[in-house]
Each structure stands twice: as C-alpha cells, then as structure tokens.
Amino acid sequence: KGRFTISGDNAKNTVYLQMNSLKSEDTAVYYCAA
C-alpha cells in the first residue's frame, strides 16, 4: 500500500501494476490471475 498501484482497461481485460519505491523484499515471481 502506498507503493504499488493497480489499474486496468476493463474493456480489454488488461491490468497494470505500477510498482514504485521497490524494496529487496519485493523480489519474486509475479503472477497475474483472472
């Protein structure tokens, strides 16, 4: 919270994840689900 922002174009079933102020603990494989 406060660092990541989710947004989307629902008509296109597209979603974005803007990740700011990244930390080492954010290291991971990121999966999208629907």
All heavy atoms as atom14 arrays in JSON, in Angstrom:
{
  "sequence": "KGRFTISGDNAKNTVYLQMNSLKSEDTAVYYCAA",
  "atom14_mask": [
    [1, 1, 1, 1, 1, 1, 1, 1, 1, 0, 0, 0, 0, 0],
    [1, 1, 1, 1, 0, 0, 0, 0, 0, 0, 0, 0, 0, 0],
    [1, 1, 1, 1, 1, 1, 1, 1, 1, 1, 1, 0, 0, 0],
    [1, 1, 1, 1, 1, 1, 1, 1, 1, 1, 1, 0, 0, 0],
    [1, 1, 1, 1, 1, 1, 1, 0, 0, 0, 0, 0, 0, 0],
    [1, 1, 1, 1, 1, 1, 1, 1, 0, 0, 0, 0, 0, 0],
    [1, 1, 1, 1, 1, 1, 0, 0, 0, 0, 0, 0, 0, 0],
    [1, 1, 1, 1, 0, 0, 0, 0, 0, 0, 0, 0, 0, 0],
    [1, 1, 1, 1, 1, 1, 1, 1, 0, 0, 0, 0, 0, 0],
    [1, 1, 1, 1, 1, 1, 1, 1, 0, 0, 0, 0, 0, 0],
    [1, 1, 1, 1, 1, 0, 0, 0, 0, 0, 0, 0, 0, 0],
    [1, 1, 1, 1, 1, 1, 1, 1, 1, 0, 0, 0, 0, 0],
    [1, 1, 1, 1, 1, 1, 1, 1, 0, 0, 0, 0, 0, 0],
    [1, 1, 1, 1, 1, 1, 1, 0, 0, 0, 0, 0, 0, 0],
    [1, 1, 1, 1, 1, 1, 1, 0, 0, 0, 0, 0, 0, 0],
    [1, 1, 1, 1, 1, 1, 1, 1, 1, 1, 1, 1, 0, 0],
    [1, 1, 1, 1, 1, 1, 1, 1, 0, 0, 0, 0, 0, 0],
    [1, 1, 1, 1, 1, 1, 1, 1, 1, 0, 0, 0, 0, 0],
    [1, 1, 1, 1, 1, 1, 1, 1, 0, 0, 0, 0, 0, 0],
    [1, 1, 1, 1, 1, 1, 1, 1, 0, 0, 0, 0, 0, 0],
    [1, 1, 1, 1, 1, 1, 0, 0, 0, 0, 0, 0, 0, 0],
    [1, 1, 1, 1, 1, 1, 1, 1, 0, 0, 0, 0, 0, 0],
    [1, 1, 1, 1, 1, 1, 1, 1, 1, 0, 0, 0, 0, 0],
    [1, 1, 1, 1, 1, 1, 0, 0, 0, 0, 0, 0, 0, 0],
    [1, 1, 1, 1, 1, 1, 1, 1, 1, 0, 0, 0, 0, 0],
    [1, 1, 1, 1, 1, 1, 1, 1, 0, 0, 0, 0, 0, 0],
    [1, 1, 1, 1, 1, 1, 1, 0, 0, 0, 0, 0, 0, 0],
    [1, 1, 1, 1, 1, 0, 0, 0, 0, 0, 0, 0, 0, 0],
    [1, 1, 1, 1, 1, 1, 1, 0, 0, 0, 0, 0, 0, 0],
    [1, 1, 1, 1, 1, 1, 1, 1, 1, 1, 1, 1, 0, 0],
    [1, 1, 1, 1, 1, 1, 1, 1, 1, 1, 1, 1, 0, 0],
    [1, 1, 1, 1, 1, 1, 0, 0, 0, 0, 0, 0, 0, 0],
    [1, 1, 1, 1, 1, 0, 0, 0, 0, 0, 0, 0, 0, 0],
    [1, 1, 1, 1, 1, 0, 0, 0, 0, 0, 0, 0, 0, 0]
  ],
  "atom14_positions": [
    [[0.83, -1.21, 0.0], [0.0, 0.0, 0.0], [0.87, 1.25, 0.0], [1.83, 1.36, 0.75], [-0.91, 0.0, 1.22], [-2.16, -0.83, 1.07], [-3.02, -0.75, 2.33], [-4.25, -1.64, 2.2], [-5.05, -1.66, 3.45], [0.0, 0.0, 0.0], [0.0, 0.0, 0.0], [0.0, 0.0, 0.0], [0.0, 0.0, 0.0], [0.0, 0.0, 0.0]],
    [[0.49, 2.19, -0.86], [1.23, 3.43, -0.95], [2.41, 3.37, -1.9], [2.98, 4.39, -2.25], [0.0, 0.0, 0.0], [0.0, 0.0, 0.0], [0.0, 0.0, 0.0], [0.0, 0.0, 0.0], [0.0, 0.0, 0.0], [0.0, 0.0, 0.0], [0.0, 0.0, 0.0], [0.0, 0.0, 0.0], [0.0, 0.0, 0.0], [0.0, 0.0, 0.0]],
    [[2.78, 2.15, -2.32], [3.91, 1.99, -3.25], [3.46, 1.41, -4.6], [4.01, 1.78, -5.63], [4.96, 1.05, -2.64], [5.55, 1.56, -1.34], [6.74, 0.7, -0.91], [6.37, -0.68, -0.67], [6.92, -1.72, -1.3], [7.87, -1.53, -2.21], [6.54, -2.95, -1.0], [0.0, 0.0, 0.0], [0.0, 0.0, 0.0], [0.0, 0.0, 0.0]],
    [[2.5, 0.52, -4.57], [2.01, -0.13, -5.79], [0.63, 0.41, -6.13], [-0.18, 0.71, -5.24], [1.91, -1.64, -5.6], [3.22, -2.37, -5.47], [4.42, -1.69, -5.3], [3.26, -3.75, -5.52], [5.62, -2.37, -5.17], [4.44, -4.45, -5.41], [5.63, -3.75, -5.22], [0.0, 0.0, 0.0], [0.0, 0.0, 0.0], [0.0, 0.0, 0.0]],
    [[0.35, 0.49, -7.42], [-0.96, 0.92, -7.88], [-1.44, -0.03, -8.97], [-0.72, -0.27, -9.96], [-0.92, 2.34, -8.44], [-0.44, 3.25, -7.43], [-2.3, 2.79, -8.89], [0.0, 0.0, 0.0], [0.0, 0.0, 0.0], [0.0, 0.0, 0.0], [0.0, 0.0, 0.0], [0.0, 0.0, 0.0], [0.0, 0.0, 0.0], [0.0, 0.0, 0.0]],
    [[-2.66, -0.54, -8.79], [-3.24, -1.4, -9.81], [-4.24, -0.57, -10.62], [-4.96, 0.27, -10.07], [-3.92, -2.65, -9.19], [-4.31, -3.65, -10.27], [-5.11, -2.27, -8.32], [-4.73, -5.01, -9.71], [0.0, 0.0, 0.0], [0.0, 0.0, 0.0], [0.0, 0.0, 0.0], [0.0, 0.0, 0.0], [0.0, 0.0, 0.0], [0.0, 0.0, 0.0]],
    [[-4.24, -0.78, -11.91], [-5.17, -0.09, -12.79], [-5.51, -1.03, -13.93], [-4.84, -2.04, -14.14], [-4.59, 1.22, -13.3], [-3.42, 0.98, -14.07], [0.0, 0.0, 0.0], [0.0, 0.0, 0.0], [0.0, 0.0, 0.0], [0.0, 0.0, 0.0], [0.0, 0.0, 0.0], [0.0, 0.0, 0.0], [0.0, 0.0, 0.0], [0.0, 0.0, 0.0]],
    [[-6.54, -0.65, -14.68], [-6.9, -1.56, -15.75], [-7.77, -0.93, -16.81], [-8.37, 0.13, -16.61], [0.0, 0.0, 0.0], [0.0, 0.0, 0.0], [0.0, 0.0, 0.0], [0.0, 0.0, 0.0], [0.0, 0.0, 0.0], [0.0, 0.0, 0.0], [0.0, 0.0, 0.0], [0.0, 0.0, 0.0], [0.0, 0.0, 0.0], [0.0, 0.0, 0.0]],
    [[-7.76, -1.59, -17.94], [-8.68, -1.27, -19.03], [-9.64, -2.47, -19.08], [-9.35, -3.48, -19.71], [-7.92, -1.1, -20.33], [-8.83, -0.69, -21.48], [-10.06, -0.92, -21.39], [-8.32, -0.16, -22.47], [0.0, 0.0, 0.0], [0.0, 0.0, 0.0], [0.0, 0.0, 0.0], [0.0, 0.0, 0.0], [0.0, 0.0, 0.0], [0.0, 0.0, 0.0]],
    [[-10.76, -2.32, -18.42], [-11.64, -3.47, -18.25], [-12.22, -3.95, -19.57], [-12.46, -5.15, -19.75], [-12.74, -3.13, -17.25], [-12.18, -2.77, -15.9], [-11.93, -1.61, -15.61], [-11.95, -3.77, -15.07], [0.0, 0.0, 0.0], [0.0, 0.0, 0.0], [0.0, 0.0, 0.0], [0.0, 0.0, 0.0], [0.0, 0.0, 0.0], [0.0, 0.0, 0.0]],
    [[-12.44, -3.05, -20.5], [-12.99, -3.44, -21.79], [-12.02, -4.35, -22.55], [-12.44, -5.18, -23.36], [-13.31, -2.21, -22.63], [0.0, 0.0, 0.0], [0.0, 0.0, 0.0], [0.0, 0.0, 0.0], [0.0, 0.0, 0.0], [0.0, 0.0, 0.0], [0.0, 0.0, 0.0], [0.0, 0.0, 0.0], [0.0, 0.0, 0.0], [0.0, 0.0, 0.0]],
    [[-10.74, -4.21, -22.26], [-9.73, -5.01, -22.93], [-9.19, -6.12, -22.02], [-8.25, -6.82, -22.41], [-8.57, -4.12, -23.38], [-8.97, -3.07, -24.4], [-7.77, -2.22, -24.82], [-8.16, -1.17, -25.84], [-7.01, -0.33, -26.24], [0.0, 0.0, 0.0], [0.0, 0.0, 0.0], [0.0, 0.0, 0.0], [0.0, 0.0, 0.0], [0.0, 0.0, 0.0]],
    [[-9.76, -6.25, -20.84], [-9.28, -7.26, -19.88], [-7.77, -7.17, -19.68], [-7.05, -8.17, -19.67], [-9.69, -8.67, -20.32], [-11.17, -8.91, -20.14], [-11.77, -8.51, -19.14], [-11.78, -9.56, -21.11], [0.0, 0.0, 0.0], [0.0, 0.0, 0.0], [0.0, 0.0, 0.0], [0.0, 0.0, 0.0], [0.0, 0.0, 0.0], [0.0, 0.0, 0.0]],
    [[-7.33, -5.94, -19.52], [-5.91, -5.66, -19.3], [-5.74, -5.0, -17.95], [-6.53, -4.13, -17.59], [-5.38, -4.75, -20.41], [-5.56, -5.39, -21.67], [-3.9, -4.46, -20.2], [0.0, 0.0, 0.0], [0.0, 0.0, 0.0], [0.0, 0.0, 0.0], [0.0, 0.0, 0.0], [0.0, 0.0, 0.0], [0.0, 0.0, 0.0], [0.0, 0.0, 0.0]],
    [[-4.72, -5.4, -17.23], [-4.46, -4.82, -15.92], [-2.98, -4.5, -15.81], [-2.13, -5.17, -16.41], [-4.9, -5.79, -14.79], [-4.06, -7.05, -14.78], [-4.84, -5.1, -13.44], [0.0, 0.0, 0.0], [0.0, 0.0, 0.0], [0.0, 0.0, 0.0], [0.0, 0.0, 0.0], [0.0, 0.0, 0.0], [0.0, 0.0, 0.0], [0.0, 0.0, 0.0]],
    [[-2.69, -3.45, -15.06], [-1.32, -2.99, -14.87], [-1.01, -2.93, -13.37], [-1.89, -2.69, -12.55], [-1.12, -1.61, -15.48], [-1.55, -1.52, -16.92], [-2.8, -0.99, -17.25], [-0.73, -1.97, -17.94], [-3.22, -0.93, -18.56], [-1.14, -1.91, -19.27], [-2.39, -1.38, -19.57], [-2.8, -1.32, -20.87], [0.0, 0.0, 0.0], [0.0, 0.0, 0.0]],
    [[0.23, -3.12, -13.06], [0.69, -2.96, -11.69], [1.91, -2.05, -11.71], [2.99, -2.45, -12.15], [1.05, -4.29, -11.05], [1.4, -4.23, -9.56], [0.17, -3.85, -8.74], [1.98, -5.55, -9.07], [0.0, 0.0, 0.0], [0.0, 0.0, 0.0], [0.0, 0.0, 0.0], [0.0, 0.0, 0.0], [0.0, 0.0, 0.0], [0.0, 0.0, 0.0]],
    [[1.71, -0.81, -11.29], [2.81, 0.14, -11.2], [3.46, -0.02, -9.84], [2.8, 0.13, -8.8], [2.3, 1.57, -11.36], [3.37, 2.64, -11.24], [4.39, 2.58, -12.34], [4.04, 2.41, -13.51], [5.66, 2.71, -11.99], [0.0, 0.0, 0.0], [0.0, 0.0, 0.0], [0.0, 0.0, 0.0], [0.0, 0.0, 0.0], [0.0, 0.0, 0.0]],
    [[4.73, -0.34, -9.84], [5.45, -0.62, -8.6], [6.54, 0.44, -8.42], [7.46, 0.54, -9.22], [6.07, -2.02, -8.66], [5.08, -3.12, -8.95], [5.77, -4.78, -8.85], [6.91, -4.73, -10.22], [0.0, 0.0, 0.0], [0.0, 0.0, 0.0], [0.0, 0.0, 0.0], [0.0, 0.0, 0.0], [0.0, 0.0, 0.0], [0.0, 0.0, 0.0]],
    [[6.39, 1.23, -7.38], [7.35, 2.28, -7.06], [8.03, 1.99, -5.73], [7.57, 1.16, -4.95], [6.64, 3.64, -6.99], [6.0, 4.04, -8.29], [6.47, 3.69, -9.38], [4.9, 4.78, -8.21], [0.0, 0.0, 0.0], [0.0, 0.0, 0.0], [0.0, 0.0, 0.0], [0.0, 0.0, 0.0], [0.0, 0.0, 0.0], [0.0, 0.0, 0.0]],
    [[9.12, 2.66, -5.5], [9.86, 2.51, -4.24], [10.11, 1.05, -3.93], [9.88, 0.57, -2.8], [9.09, 3.18, -3.09], [8.87, 4.55, -3.36], [0.0, 0.0, 0.0], [0.0, 0.0, 0.0], [0.0, 0.0, 0.0], [0.0, 0.0, 0.0], [0.0, 0.0, 0.0], [0.0, 0.0, 0.0], [0.0, 0.0, 0.0], [0.0, 0.0, 0.0]],
    [[10.59, 0.33, -4.91], [10.78, -1.1, -4.75], [11.84, -1.42, -3.71], [12.83, -0.69, -3.56], [11.14, -1.73, -6.11], [9.94, -1.9, -7.04], [10.39, -2.07, -8.48], [9.1, -3.09, -6.6], [0.0, 0.0, 0.0], [0.0, 0.0, 0.0], [0.0, 0.0, 0.0], [0.0, 0.0, 0.0], [0.0, 0.0, 0.0], [0.0, 0.0, 0.0]],
    [[11.59, -2.52, -3.02], [12.49, -2.98, -1.97], [12.99, -4.38, -2.33], [12.35, -5.09, -3.12], [11.75, -3.05, -0.63], [11.07, -1.75, -0.22], [10.26, -1.96, 1.05], [9.53, -0.69, 1.46], [8.72, -0.89, 2.69], [0.0, 0.0, 0.0], [0.0, 0.0, 0.0], [0.0, 0.0, 0.0], [0.0, 0.0, 0.0], [0.0, 0.0, 0.0]],
    [[14.05, -4.8, -1.7], [14.59, -6.13, -1.98], [13.56, -7.22, -1.66], [13.51, -8.25, -2.34], [15.88, -6.35, -1.21], [15.66, -6.19, 0.18], [0.0, 0.0, 0.0], [0.0, 0.0, 0.0], [0.0, 0.0, 0.0], [0.0, 0.0, 0.0], [0.0, 0.0, 0.0], [0.0, 0.0, 0.0], [0.0, 0.0, 0.0], [0.0, 0.0, 0.0]],
    [[12.74, -6.96, -0.66], [11.73, -7.96, -0.3], [10.59, -8.08, -1.3], [9.72, -8.94, -1.16], [11.16, -7.69, 1.1], [10.68, -6.27, 1.32], [11.72, -5.43, 2.03], [12.92, -5.48, 1.65], [11.33, -4.69, 2.96], [0.0, 0.0, 0.0], [0.0, 0.0, 0.0], [0.0, 0.0, 0.0], [0.0, 0.0, 0.0], [0.0, 0.0, 0.0]],
    [[10.57, -7.21, -2.3], [9.59, -7.32, -3.38], [10.05, -8.31, -4.44], [9.28, -8.63, -5.36], [9.35, -5.96, -4.04], [8.69, -4.97, -3.11], [7.75, -5.36, -2.38], [9.11, -3.79, -3.11], [0.0, 0.0, 0.0], [0.0, 0.0, 0.0], [0.0, 0.0, 0.0], [0.0, 0.0, 0.0], [0.0, 0.0, 0.0], [0.0, 0.0, 0.0]],
    [[11.26, -8.79, -4.33], [11.77, -9.76, -5.29], [10.95, -11.04, -5.25], [10.77, -11.65, -4.19], [13.25, -10.09, -4.99], [14.04, -8.92, -5.19], [13.75, -11.2, -5.89], [0.0, 0.0, 0.0], [0.0, 0.0, 0.0], [0.0, 0.0, 0.0], [0.0, 0.0, 0.0], [0.0, 0.0, 0.0], [0.0, 0.0, 0.0], [0.0, 0.0, 0.0]],
    [[10.44, -11.43, -6.41], [9.57, -12.6, -6.5], [9.18, -12.81, -7.96], [9.42, -11.95, -8.81], [8.32, -12.41, -5.65], [0.0, 0.0, 0.0], [0.0, 0.0, 0.0], [0.0, 0.0, 0.0], [0.0, 0.0, 0.0], [0.0, 0.0, 0.0], [0.0, 0.0, 0.0], [0.0, 0.0, 0.0], [0.0, 0.0, 0.0], [0.0, 0.0, 0.0]],
    [[8.54, -13.94, -8.2], [7.83, -14.13, -9.47], [6.42, -13.59, -9.26], [5.74, -13.96, -8.3], [7.79, -15.61, -9.87], [6.99, -15.77, -11.16], [9.21, -16.15, -10.05], [0.0, 0.0, 0.0], [0.0, 0.0, 0.0], [0.0, 0.0, 0.0], [0.0, 0.0, 0.0], [0.0, 0.0, 0.0], [0.0, 0.0, 0.0], [0.0, 0.0, 0.0]],
    [[6.03, -12.71, -10.14], [4.71, -12.09, -10.06], [3.77, -12.77, -11.04], [4.08, -12.9, -12.24], [4.82, -10.6, -10.36], [5.35, -9.82, -9.19], [6.69, -9.94, -8.81], [4.54, -8.98, -8.43], [7.2, -9.26, -7.71], [5.03, -8.29, -7.34], [6.36, -8.44, -6.98], [6.86, -7.75, -5.89], [0.0, 0.0, 0.0], [0.0, 0.0, 0.0]],
    [[2.62, -13.17, -10.53], [1.63, -13.87, -11.32], [0.36, -13.02, -11.45], [-0.08, -12.41, -10.47], [1.24, -15.19, -10.67], [2.35, -16.19, -10.59], [3.18, -16.23, -9.47], [2.58, -17.09, -11.62], [4.21, -17.16, -9.38], [3.61, -18.02, -11.54], [4.41, -18.04, -10.42], [5.43, -18.96, -10.33], [0.0, 0.0, 0.0], [0.0, 0.0, 0.0]],
    [[-0.19, -13.03, -12.63], [-1.48, -12.4, -12.88], [-2.54, -13.49, -12.91], [-2.3, -14.58, -13.44], [-1.45, -11.65, -14.21], [-2.98, -10.8, -14.63], [0.0, 0.0, 0.0], [0.0, 0.0, 0.0], [0.0, 0.0, 0.0], [0.0, 0.0, 0.0], [0.0, 0.0, 0.0], [0.0, 0.0, 0.0], [0.0, 0.0, 0.0], [0.0, 0.0, 0.0]],
    [[-3.7, -13.17, -12.35], [-4.8, -14.14, -12.31], [-6.1, -13.45, -12.68], [-6.25, -12.24, -12.44], [-4.9, -14.75, -10.91], [0.0, 0.0, 0.0], [0.0, 0.0, 0.0], [0.0, 0.0, 0.0], [0.0, 0.0, 0.0], [0.0, 0.0, 0.0], [0.0, 0.0, 0.0], [0.0, 0.0, 0.0], [0.0, 0.0, 0.0], [0.0, 0.0, 0.0]],
    [[-7.02, -14.22, -13.21], [-8.3, -13.66, -13.65], [-9.44, -14.57, -13.26], [-9.29, -15.8, -13.18], [-8.29, -13.45, -15.17], [0.0, 0.0, 0.0], [0.0, 0.0, 0.0], [0.0, 0.0, 0.0], [0.0, 0.0, 0.0], [0.0, 0.0, 0.0], [0.0, 0.0, 0.0], [0.0, 0.0, 0.0], [0.0, 0.0, 0.0], [0.0, 0.0, 0.0]]
  ]
}
